[in-house]
Amino acid sequence: MRVWQKVKEGEKTRLQAFEGMVLSRNHGREAGATFTVRKVVGGIGVERIFPLYSPDIDKVELKSRSKFKRAKLFYIRDRAAREIRKKMKVVTREKKIKSDVTKSELKAESEEKVVS
C-alpha cells in the first residue's frame, strides 16, 4: 500500500509517499479509525500509524492484495527479523571463508620464501 501524506515545509506543502504493508486496522470506520503500515529502510523496520480520516492524507493507493488468515499481521515483524539474522549469518560465513583463504595464501607465500 502507498500512502500519500501532505508534508509542510515552511510555507510550501508537498506530497510524500510511505509505501509498505498494512499490519493492522483499528476501530473500523469510525472517526478515530487508524491503520498501521510497515516498511523496511536500510535493513531497519519502520512503522507508521495513520489516522484514516486525516486531512493530511492526500490519497491511499492499494498496490497489491493478498490473502491472509489473520486480521492483525504483527507476526511479520518477527519473520522479518529472522530473515535479517539469516542473512547476517550468511555474510559472516562468507567473510570468514574469505579470511581463511587469505590466511592460507599468506602462509603458503611465507613458506615459499623460507624454502627459497
C-alpha atoms as a PDB file:
ATOM      1  CA  MET A   1       0.000   0.000   0.000  1.00  0.00           C
ATOM      2  CA  ARG A   2       1.210   3.510  -0.747  1.00  0.00           C
ATOM      3  CA  VAL A   3       0.024   6.367   1.481  1.00  0.00           C
ATOM      4  CA  TRP A   4       0.476   9.909   0.129  1.00  0.00           C
ATOM      5  CA  GLN A   5       0.836  12.355   3.011  1.00  0.00           C
ATOM      6  CA  LYS A   6       0.994  16.148   2.882  1.00  0.00           C
ATOM      7  CA  VAL A   7       4.217  17.446   4.433  1.00  0.00           C
ATOM      8  CA  LYS A   8       4.522  21.117   5.294  1.00  0.00           C
ATOM      9  CA  GLU A   9       7.988  22.649   4.897  1.00  0.00           C
ATOM     10  CA  GLY A  10       7.963  26.336   5.722  1.00  0.00           C
ATOM     11  CA  GLU A  11       5.192  27.872   3.644  1.00  0.00           C
ATOM     12  CA  LYS A  12       5.095  25.146   0.989  1.00  0.00           C
ATOM     13  CA  THR A  13       3.419  21.761   1.174  1.00  0.00           C
ATOM     14  CA  ARG A  14       4.447  18.699  -0.789  1.00  0.00           C
ATOM     15  CA  LEU A  15       3.337  15.097  -1.047  1.00  0.00           C
ATOM     16  CA  GLN A  16       5.460  12.311   0.381  1.00  0.00           C
ATOM     17  CA  ALA A  17       4.760   8.617  -0.176  1.00  0.00           C
ATOM     18  CA  PHE A  18       5.066   5.972   2.530  1.00  0.00           C
ATOM     19  CA  GLU A  19       4.971   2.542   0.893  1.00  0.00           C
ATOM     20  CA  GLY A  20       4.688  -0.678   2.828  1.00  0.00           C
ATOM     21  CA  MET A  21       2.490  -3.470   4.121  1.00  0.00           C
ATOM     22  CA  VAL A  22      -0.591  -2.857   6.244  1.00  0.00           C
ATOM     23  CA  LEU A  23      -0.211  -4.694   9.552  1.00  0.00           C
ATOM     24  CA  SER A  24      -3.453  -3.730  11.232  1.00  0.00           C
ATOM     25  CA  ARG A  25      -6.548  -1.621  11.112  1.00  0.00           C
ATOM     26  CA  ASN A  26      -8.176  -0.378  14.302  1.00  0.00           C
ATOM     27  CA  HIS A  27     -11.667   0.904  15.121  1.00  0.00           C
ATOM     28  CA  GLY A  28     -13.280   0.037  11.790  1.00  0.00           C
ATOM     29  CA  ARG A  29     -14.673   3.104  10.023  1.00  0.00           C
ATOM     30  CA  GLU A  30     -15.408   5.328  12.993  1.00  0.00           C
ATOM     31  CA  ALA A  31     -13.926   8.799  13.475  1.00  0.00           C
ATOM     32  CA  GLY A  32     -10.861   7.554  15.397  1.00  0.00           C
ATOM     33  CA  ALA A  33     -10.003   4.747  12.985  1.00  0.00           C
ATOM     34  CA  THR A  34      -6.301   4.142  12.264  1.00  0.00           C
ATOM     35  CA  PHE A  35      -4.178   1.771  10.203  1.00  0.00           C
ATOM     36  CA  THR A  36      -0.551   0.721  10.657  1.00  0.00           C
ATOM     37  CA  VAL A  37       1.861   0.489   7.699  1.00  0.00           C
ATOM     38  CA  ARG A  38       5.322  -1.105   7.903  1.00  0.00           C
ATOM     39  CA  LYS A  39       8.269  -0.790   5.525  1.00  0.00           C
ATOM     40  CA  VAL A  40      11.949  -1.667   5.718  1.00  0.00           C
ATOM     41  CA  VAL A  41      14.519   1.075   5.125  1.00  0.00           C
ATOM     42  CA  GLY A  42      18.187   0.136   5.113  1.00  0.00           C
ATOM     43  CA  GLY A  43      17.537  -3.107   7.000  1.00  0.00           C
ATOM     44  CA  ILE A  44      15.543  -1.360   9.738  1.00  0.00           C
ATOM     45  CA  GLY A  45      11.779  -1.764  10.050  1.00  0.00           C
ATOM     46  CA  VAL A  46       9.788   1.466  10.185  1.00  0.00           C
ATOM     47  CA  GLU A  47       6.124   1.549  11.193  1.00  0.00           C
ATOM     48  CA  ARG A  48       3.717   4.465  10.995  1.00  0.00           C
ATOM     49  CA  ILE A  49       0.199   4.763  12.302  1.00  0.00           C
ATOM     50  CA  PHE A  50      -2.057   6.830  10.068  1.00  0.00           C
ATOM     51  CA  PRO A  51      -5.486   8.186  11.037  1.00  0.00           C
ATOM     52  CA  LEU A  52      -7.994   7.003   8.445  1.00  0.00           C
ATOM     53  CA  TYR A  53      -9.781  10.342   8.093  1.00  0.00           C
ATOM     54  CA  SER A  54      -6.804  12.683   8.455  1.00  0.00           C
ATOM     55  CA  PRO A  55      -6.814  15.827   6.268  1.00  0.00           C
ATOM     56  CA  ASP A  56      -3.027  15.374   5.906  1.00  0.00           C
ATOM     57  CA  ILE A  57      -3.502  12.151   3.909  1.00  0.00           C
ATOM     58  CA  ASP A  58      -3.998  13.018   0.250  1.00  0.00           C
ATOM     59  CA  LYS A  59      -4.680   9.515  -1.090  1.00  0.00           C
ATOM     60  CA  VAL A  60      -4.141   5.848  -0.366  1.00  0.00           C
ATOM     61  CA  GLU A  61      -3.163   3.525  -3.215  1.00  0.00           C
ATOM     62  CA  LEU A  62      -3.555  -0.215  -3.000  1.00  0.00           C
ATOM     63  CA  LYS A  63      -0.596  -1.747  -4.870  1.00  0.00           C
ATOM     64  CA  SER A  64      -1.376  -5.418  -4.391  1.00  0.00           C
ATOM     65  CA  ARG A  65      -3.761  -7.502  -2.370  1.00  0.00           C
ATOM     66  CA  SER A  66      -3.017 -10.848  -0.771  1.00  0.00           C
ATOM     67  CA  LYS A  67      -4.964 -13.330   1.314  1.00  0.00           C
ATOM     68  CA  PHE A  68      -4.123 -13.639   4.986  1.00  0.00           C
ATOM     69  CA  LYS A  69      -5.849 -15.751   7.579  1.00  0.00           C
ATOM     70  CA  ARG A  70      -5.377 -13.185  10.338  1.00  0.00           C
ATOM     71  CA  ALA A  71      -6.752  -9.724  10.957  1.00  0.00           C
ATOM     72  CA  LYS A  72      -3.534  -8.414  12.545  1.00  0.00           C
ATOM     73  CA  LEU A  73      -0.198  -9.225  10.925  1.00  0.00           C
ATOM     74  CA  PHE A  74       2.139  -8.431  13.822  1.00  0.00           C
ATOM     75  CA  TYR A  75       3.955 -11.759  13.373  1.00  0.00           C
ATOM     76  CA  ILE A  76       5.555 -10.291  10.228  1.00  0.00           C
ATOM     77  CA  ARG A  77       7.847  -8.240  12.477  1.00  0.00           C
ATOM     78  CA  ASP A  78       9.374 -11.453  13.838  1.00  0.00           C
ATOM     79  CA  ARG A  79       9.574 -13.041  10.393  1.00  0.00           C
ATOM     80  CA  ALA A  80      11.473 -10.047   9.030  1.00  0.00           C
ATOM     81  CA  ALA A  81      13.887 -10.101  11.977  1.00  0.00           C
ATOM     82  CA  ARG A  82      14.533 -13.813  11.437  1.00  0.00           C
ATOM     83  CA  GLU A  83      15.279 -13.259   7.745  1.00  0.00           C
ATOM     84  CA  ILE A  84      17.730 -10.476   8.583  1.00  0.00           C
ATOM     85  CA  ARG A  85      19.505 -12.702  11.105  1.00  0.00           C
ATOM     86  CA  LYS A  86      19.803 -15.462   8.480  1.00  0.00           C
ATOM     87  CA  LYS A  87      21.328 -13.014   6.001  1.00  0.00           C
ATOM     88  CA  MET A  88      23.777 -11.789   8.646  1.00  0.00           C
ATOM     89  CA  LYS A  89      24.904 -15.374   9.311  1.00  0.00           C
ATOM     90  CA  VAL A  90      25.493 -15.976   5.594  1.00  0.00           C
ATOM     91  CA  VAL A  91      27.509 -12.764   5.273  1.00  0.00           C
ATOM     92  CA  THR A  92      29.659 -13.566   8.312  1.00  0.00           C
ATOM     93  CA  ARG A  93      30.305 -17.096   6.981  1.00  0.00           C
ATOM     94  CA  GLU A  94      31.381 -15.662   3.627  1.00  0.00           C
ATOM     95  CA  LYS A  95      33.709 -13.196   5.336  1.00  0.00           C
ATOM     96  CA  LYS A  96      35.157 -15.994   7.468  1.00  0.00           C
ATOM     97  CA  ILE A  97      35.748 -18.172   4.406  1.00  0.00           C
ATOM     98  CA  LYS A  98      37.448 -15.286   2.600  1.00  0.00           C
ATOM     99  CA  SER A  99      39.656 -14.531   5.609  1.00  0.00           C
ATOM    100  CA  ASP A 100      40.588 -18.241   5.924  1.00  0.00           C
ATOM    101  CA  VAL A 101      41.559 -18.316   2.248  1.00  0.00           C
ATOM    102  CA  THR A 102      43.728 -15.218   2.556  1.00  0.00           C
ATOM    103  CA  LYS A 103      45.398 -16.605   5.696  1.00  0.00           C
ATOM    104  CA  SER A 104      46.228 -19.863   3.930  1.00  0.00           C
ATOM    105  CA  GLU A 105      47.553 -17.931   0.910  1.00  0.00           C
ATOM    106  CA  LEU A 106      49.752 -15.795   3.163  1.00  0.00           C
ATOM    107  CA  LYS A 107      51.018 -18.889   4.957  1.00  0.00           C
ATOM    108  CA  ALA A 108      51.848 -20.595   1.631  1.00  0.00           C
ATOM    109  CA  GLU A 109      53.712 -17.498   0.405  1.00  0.00           C
ATOM    110  CA  SER A 110      55.753 -17.257   3.602  1.00  0.00           C
ATOM    111  CA  GLU A 111      56.670 -20.951   3.389  1.00  0.00           C
ATOM    112  CA  GLU A 112      57.819 -20.472  -0.234  1.00  0.00           C
ATOM    113  CA  LYS A 113      60.074 -17.601   0.836  1.00  0.00           C
ATOM    114  CA  VAL A 114      61.621 -19.681   3.613  1.00  0.00           C
ATOM    115  CA  VAL A 115      62.326 -22.609   1.237  1.00  0.00           C
ATOM    116  CA  SER A 116      63.961 -20.438  -1.428  1.00  0.00           C
END
